[in-house]
Amino acid sequence: MLNIRKITIYFVFLLPLIFINQILLAGQIKIDTITSLALKDNKLGDTNVRNIAIYLPPGYESSDKVYPVIYLLHGFGGNERSFVDEVGENFAVFLLDTMIENDVLKEVIIVMPNAKNKYGGSYYLNSELIGNYEDYIVKEIVSYIDSNYRTIKDREARAIAGASMGGYGGITLAMKHPETYCAVAVLSPPLGFDIMTEKILPEILRENPDEMSGPNSKKQYTDYIYALSAAIPHFLLICHLNIPVGKLSKKSDSAGCNLIH
C-alpha cells in the first residue's frame, strides 16, 4: 500500500531540495553591466554602458574556489551573447559543463564582452573616433572580473580567445599585453587586409553605385569597411572613397587616391 504521507513529503520538500542542489552544481550564464570610462564620449555616440556575459563553472556558487579566466571575443556584428545564442544558452552551458566533467576543459570562468559599435565592430582597438576598446577590454573588464568574481589574479591564469574580428582582437591584445594574458587561441582572424581589400572593394562599389552614403545595416561590406577604417586608420588604401578614419586625417597620393593612415 502506498504511503501517501511519505510521497507527499518527498514531492513537497525533498524534490525541490534536489532541484536546487542541481542548480547550484550546474554551470550558469550571468549577464553583468559595466559603465566604461574608456568608451565614454566616443564620436559615434555609442553607449558606454555595456553588458558582459559570464559563464560560471559547476559548483561556483557552492564553493570558495578561485578560478582561471578565459576572455572570449565575438566577431564582427556580434555582441556579448553571440557565442551563447549560437547554440542556445542551455545547450552552451551543457557543453561547457560536460567538457569540465570529462576533463576536456579545466574549471574556468569565461567572460564574453560586448565590443560592437555603430559600424558593426571595434576590432578591440583604441581609436579617437570609436572609443578605447583596447583599454575597455584589457583594463576595465579584467579589473571588474577580478574584483567581483573569485578569480586567480595572475597573468598565468588568464587567456584570451576569439573568432573572426575577435580573433584579430585576441592576437593583438595578447601580443601587446603579455603582462595580462599568458595564452591566446583564435579562429579565422582577418590578418591579410591587403588581400581582403581587393576582394571586397568591388562589393563596396556595388553597394554604393553613386557615392558613399555612410554605414547602413543593409550594406554588409560598406559597414565592414567603415568599421575597419575607423578602428585601424592605417590599414588600407581606398581609391575615391570618403570614409572617416580613427585619427580623422587623410593624405592624397599621386594617383588621386585617399590614403588612410
Protein backbone atom coordinates (compact mmCIF):
# COMPACT_ATOMS: atom_id res chain seq x y z
CA MET A 1 0.00 0.00 0.00
CA LEU A 2 1.33 3.43 -0.92
CA ASN A 3 2.39 5.66 1.94
CA ILE A 4 0.72 8.91 0.89
CA ARG A 5 2.39 10.85 3.68
CA LYS A 6 5.92 9.83 2.59
CA ILE A 7 5.16 10.54 -1.04
CA THR A 8 3.81 13.97 -0.13
CA ILE A 9 6.93 14.77 1.93
CA TYR A 10 9.13 13.71 -0.98
CA PHE A 11 7.40 15.89 -3.55
CA VAL A 12 6.85 18.89 -1.30
CA PHE A 13 10.22 19.02 0.46
CA LEU A 14 12.86 16.66 -0.94
CA LEU A 15 12.32 17.10 -4.68
CA PRO A 16 12.73 20.91 -4.54
CA LEU A 17 15.92 20.44 -2.50
CA ILE A 18 17.31 18.05 -5.12
CA PHE A 19 16.39 20.53 -7.85
CA ILE A 20 18.08 23.44 -6.01
CA ASN A 21 21.18 21.30 -5.45
CA GLN A 22 21.39 20.54 -9.18
CA ILE A 23 21.17 24.26 -9.96
CA LEU A 24 23.98 25.03 -7.53
CA LEU A 25 26.13 22.27 -9.03
CA ALA A 26 25.48 23.19 -12.67
CA GLY A 27 27.24 25.94 -14.58
CA GLN A 28 25.41 29.14 -15.41
CA ILE A 29 25.49 32.21 -17.65
CA LYS A 30 25.22 35.59 -15.93
CA ILE A 31 24.80 39.00 -17.55
CA ASP A 32 26.53 41.89 -15.79
CA THR A 33 26.57 45.54 -16.81
CA ILE A 34 29.59 47.82 -16.69
CA THR A 35 29.85 51.57 -17.27
CA SER A 36 33.05 52.21 -19.20
CA LEU A 37 35.15 55.35 -18.91
CA ALA A 38 37.23 54.16 -21.88
CA LEU A 39 34.19 54.26 -24.19
CA LYS A 40 32.67 57.44 -22.79
CA ASP A 41 32.10 60.35 -25.20
CA ASN A 42 33.14 58.39 -28.29
CA LYS A 43 32.45 60.27 -31.53
CA LEU A 44 29.98 57.67 -32.81
CA GLY A 45 27.63 58.32 -29.91
CA ASP A 46 27.67 54.63 -28.89
CA THR A 47 26.68 53.89 -25.32
CA ASN A 48 29.42 53.29 -22.79
CA VAL A 49 27.10 51.10 -20.70
CA ARG A 50 27.86 47.54 -21.81
CA ASN A 51 26.70 44.06 -20.93
CA ILE A 52 29.12 41.23 -20.21
CA ALA A 53 28.11 37.56 -20.45
CA ILE A 54 29.91 35.41 -17.88
CA TYR A 55 29.99 31.62 -17.67
CA LEU A 56 30.48 30.31 -14.14
CA PRO A 57 31.51 26.64 -13.88
CA PRO A 58 29.63 23.92 -11.97
CA GLY A 59 29.85 24.37 -8.22
CA TYR A 60 30.90 28.01 -8.33
CA GLU A 61 28.04 29.16 -6.10
CA SER A 62 28.58 26.42 -3.52
CA SER A 63 32.37 26.58 -3.21
CA ASP A 64 35.12 29.00 -2.27
CA LYS A 65 37.49 28.01 -5.08
CA VAL A 66 39.32 30.55 -7.23
CA TYR A 67 39.31 30.08 -10.99
CA PRO A 68 41.32 30.93 -14.11
CA VAL A 69 39.59 33.11 -16.70
CA ILE A 70 39.21 32.95 -20.48
CA TYR A 71 38.24 36.20 -22.21
CA LEU A 72 36.29 35.23 -25.32
CA LEU A 73 35.86 37.90 -28.01
CA HIS A 74 32.98 37.89 -30.51
CA GLY A 75 33.19 38.56 -34.24
CA PHE A 76 32.04 41.45 -36.43
CA GLY A 77 28.38 42.30 -35.91
CA GLY A 78 28.17 40.22 -32.74
CA ASN A 79 27.77 41.04 -29.08
CA GLU A 80 28.28 39.50 -25.65
CA ARG A 81 25.69 36.78 -26.31
CA SER A 82 26.88 35.70 -29.76
CA PHE A 83 28.64 32.50 -28.67
CA VAL A 84 25.83 31.58 -26.27
CA ASP A 85 22.92 32.29 -28.61
CA GLU A 86 24.57 30.44 -31.49
CA VAL A 87 23.64 27.12 -29.86
CA GLY A 88 21.20 28.30 -27.19
CA GLU A 89 22.04 29.13 -23.58
CA ASN A 90 21.01 25.80 -22.07
CA PHE A 91 22.99 23.80 -24.60
CA ALA A 92 26.00 26.12 -24.29
CA VAL A 93 26.07 25.56 -20.52
CA PHE A 94 25.58 21.82 -21.01
CA LEU A 95 28.52 21.64 -23.45
CA LEU A 96 30.86 23.53 -21.14
CA ASP A 97 29.74 21.60 -18.06
CA THR A 98 30.26 18.31 -19.91
CA MET A 99 33.75 19.33 -21.07
CA ILE A 100 34.70 20.18 -17.50
CA GLU A 101 33.18 16.96 -16.15
CA ASN A 102 35.19 14.92 -18.66
CA ASP A 103 38.45 16.81 -18.05
CA VAL A 104 38.48 18.28 -21.55
CA LEU A 105 38.36 21.76 -20.02
CA LYS A 106 39.56 22.88 -16.62
CA GLU A 107 37.16 24.58 -14.24
CA VAL A 108 37.21 28.07 -15.65
CA ILE A 109 35.28 31.33 -15.80
CA ILE A 110 34.57 32.52 -19.36
CA VAL A 111 34.00 36.22 -19.94
CA MET A 112 32.31 37.44 -23.15
CA PRO A 113 32.31 41.24 -23.55
CA ASN A 114 30.39 43.43 -25.99
CA ALA A 115 32.62 45.31 -28.43
CA LYS A 116 30.02 46.18 -31.06
CA ASN A 117 29.64 49.75 -32.27
CA LYS A 118 27.62 51.76 -34.78
CA TYR A 119 29.71 50.40 -37.65
CA GLY A 120 29.39 46.77 -36.52
CA GLY A 121 32.65 46.18 -34.66
CA SER A 122 35.54 47.89 -32.89
CA TYR A 123 38.32 45.38 -33.61
CA TYR A 124 39.13 45.73 -29.92
CA LEU A 125 41.41 48.71 -30.54
CA ASN A 126 41.75 52.24 -29.22
CA SER A 127 40.53 54.93 -31.61
CA GLU A 128 39.84 58.65 -31.34
CA LEU A 129 36.67 58.03 -33.33
CA ILE A 130 35.07 54.91 -31.87
CA GLY A 131 36.47 54.92 -28.32
CA ASN A 132 39.19 52.99 -26.50
CA TYR A 133 38.07 49.38 -26.73
CA GLU A 134 41.55 48.03 -26.01
CA ASP A 135 41.56 49.81 -22.65
CA TYR A 136 37.99 48.68 -22.05
CA ILE A 137 38.86 45.01 -22.54
CA VAL A 138 42.34 44.85 -21.01
CA LYS A 139 41.98 47.27 -18.12
CA GLU A 140 38.34 47.82 -17.20
CA ILE A 141 36.86 44.36 -17.78
CA VAL A 142 39.80 42.44 -16.31
CA SER A 143 39.70 44.70 -13.25
CA TYR A 144 35.92 44.29 -12.94
CA ILE A 145 36.04 40.50 -13.18
CA ASP A 146 38.93 40.21 -10.69
CA SER A 147 37.06 42.48 -8.26
CA ASN A 148 33.67 40.82 -8.49
CA TYR A 149 34.44 37.12 -9.02
CA ARG A 150 36.72 34.56 -7.41
CA THR A 151 39.49 34.61 -9.99
CA ILE A 152 43.17 33.77 -9.86
CA LYS A 153 44.52 37.30 -10.15
CA ASP A 154 47.60 36.49 -12.19
CA ARG A 155 48.55 36.51 -15.89
CA GLU A 156 49.32 32.79 -15.67
CA ALA A 157 45.61 32.21 -15.06
CA ARG A 158 44.28 34.42 -17.89
CA ALA A 159 43.85 33.52 -21.55
CA ILE A 160 42.24 35.41 -24.41
CA ALA A 161 40.46 33.87 -27.40
CA GLY A 162 38.19 34.90 -30.24
CA ALA A 163 36.80 34.28 -33.69
CA SER A 164 36.99 36.46 -36.82
CA MET A 165 37.16 40.07 -35.57
CA GLY A 166 37.55 38.59 -32.10
CA GLY A 167 40.50 36.57 -33.40
CA TYR A 168 42.17 39.76 -34.56
CA GLY A 169 41.48 41.31 -31.17
CA GLY A 170 42.75 38.24 -29.35
CA ILE A 171 46.10 38.16 -31.18
CA THR A 172 46.57 41.93 -30.94
CA LEU A 173 45.77 42.24 -27.25
CA ALA A 174 47.77 39.16 -26.27
CA MET A 175 50.85 40.47 -28.10
CA LYS A 176 50.50 43.98 -26.72
CA HIS A 177 49.72 42.90 -23.16
CA PRO A 178 51.78 39.84 -22.18
CA GLU A 179 51.64 41.13 -18.61
CA THR A 180 47.87 40.44 -18.63
CA TYR A 181 47.43 37.22 -20.67
CA CYS A 182 49.54 34.07 -20.73
CA ALA A 183 47.88 32.37 -23.71
CA VAL A 184 45.88 33.13 -26.84
CA ALA A 185 43.70 30.98 -29.12
CA VAL A 186 41.99 32.38 -32.21
CA LEU A 187 39.92 31.21 -35.16
CA SER A 188 39.90 32.88 -38.61
CA PRO A 189 41.43 36.23 -37.64
CA PRO A 190 41.35 38.76 -40.53
CA LEU A 191 45.07 39.47 -40.88
CA GLY A 192 45.53 39.84 -44.65
CA PHE A 193 43.85 43.22 -45.01
CA ASP A 194 45.50 43.93 -48.37
CA ILE A 195 44.02 40.73 -49.81
CA MET A 196 40.66 41.38 -48.18
CA THR A 197 40.52 44.87 -49.65
CA GLU A 198 40.99 43.56 -53.19
CA LYS A 199 38.11 41.14 -52.68
CA ILE A 200 35.62 43.45 -51.00
CA LEU A 201 36.22 46.73 -52.89
CA PRO A 202 34.04 45.63 -55.86
CA GLU A 203 31.29 44.73 -53.38
CA ILE A 204 31.52 48.16 -51.75
CA LEU A 205 31.20 49.83 -55.15
CA ARG A 206 28.24 47.60 -55.97
CA GLU A 207 26.52 48.61 -52.72
CA ASN A 208 27.26 52.30 -53.43
CA PRO A 209 26.91 52.83 -57.20
CA ASP A 210 26.73 56.63 -56.98
CA GLU A 211 28.61 57.70 -53.85
CA MET A 212 29.39 56.54 -50.35
CA SER A 213 26.30 57.12 -48.24
CA GLY A 214 27.66 56.11 -44.86
CA PRO A 215 27.17 52.95 -42.79
CA ASN A 216 23.98 51.04 -43.45
CA SER A 217 22.88 47.79 -41.83
CA LYS A 218 21.69 46.60 -45.25
CA LYS A 219 25.16 47.14 -46.75
CA GLN A 220 27.34 44.44 -45.25
CA TYR A 221 30.61 45.33 -46.98
CA THR A 222 30.13 49.07 -46.55
CA ASP A 223 29.67 48.65 -42.81
CA TYR A 224 32.71 46.40 -42.71
CA ILE A 225 34.98 48.91 -44.44
CA TYR A 226 33.75 51.77 -42.25
CA ALA A 227 34.47 49.70 -39.14
CA LEU A 228 37.97 48.81 -40.36
CA SER A 229 38.91 52.36 -41.36
CA ALA A 230 37.62 53.74 -38.05
CA ALA A 231 39.42 51.19 -35.88
CA ILE A 232 42.62 50.70 -37.94
CA PRO A 233 43.25 54.05 -39.65
CA HIS A 234 46.47 52.96 -41.39
CA PHE A 235 45.28 49.65 -42.79
CA LEU A 236 44.13 50.44 -46.29
CA LEU A 237 44.40 52.42 -49.49
CA ILE A 238 40.92 53.15 -50.78
CA CYS A 239 40.51 54.91 -54.11
CA HIS A 240 37.93 57.70 -54.29
CA LEU A 241 36.07 56.67 -51.10
CA ASN A 242 35.35 59.30 -48.47
CA ILE A 243 35.43 57.36 -45.20
CA PRO A 244 36.04 58.78 -41.70
CA VAL A 245 39.15 57.41 -40.01
CA GLY A 246 40.31 56.88 -36.45
CA LYS A 247 42.73 59.81 -36.46
CA LEU A 248 40.40 61.95 -38.58
CA SER A 249 43.14 62.67 -41.16
CA LYS A 250 43.95 61.75 -44.75
CA LYS A 251 46.64 62.30 -47.38
CA SER A 252 46.28 62.02 -51.13
CA ASP A 253 48.79 60.11 -53.25
CA SER A 254 49.88 60.98 -56.79
CA ALA A 255 47.23 58.72 -58.31
CA GLY A 256 44.44 60.70 -56.68
CA CYS A 257 43.57 58.06 -54.09
CA ASN A 258 42.72 58.70 -50.45
CA LEU A 259 45.46 57.28 -48.26
CA ILE A 260 44.09 56.22 -44.88
CA HIS A 261 46.96 56.45 -42.41
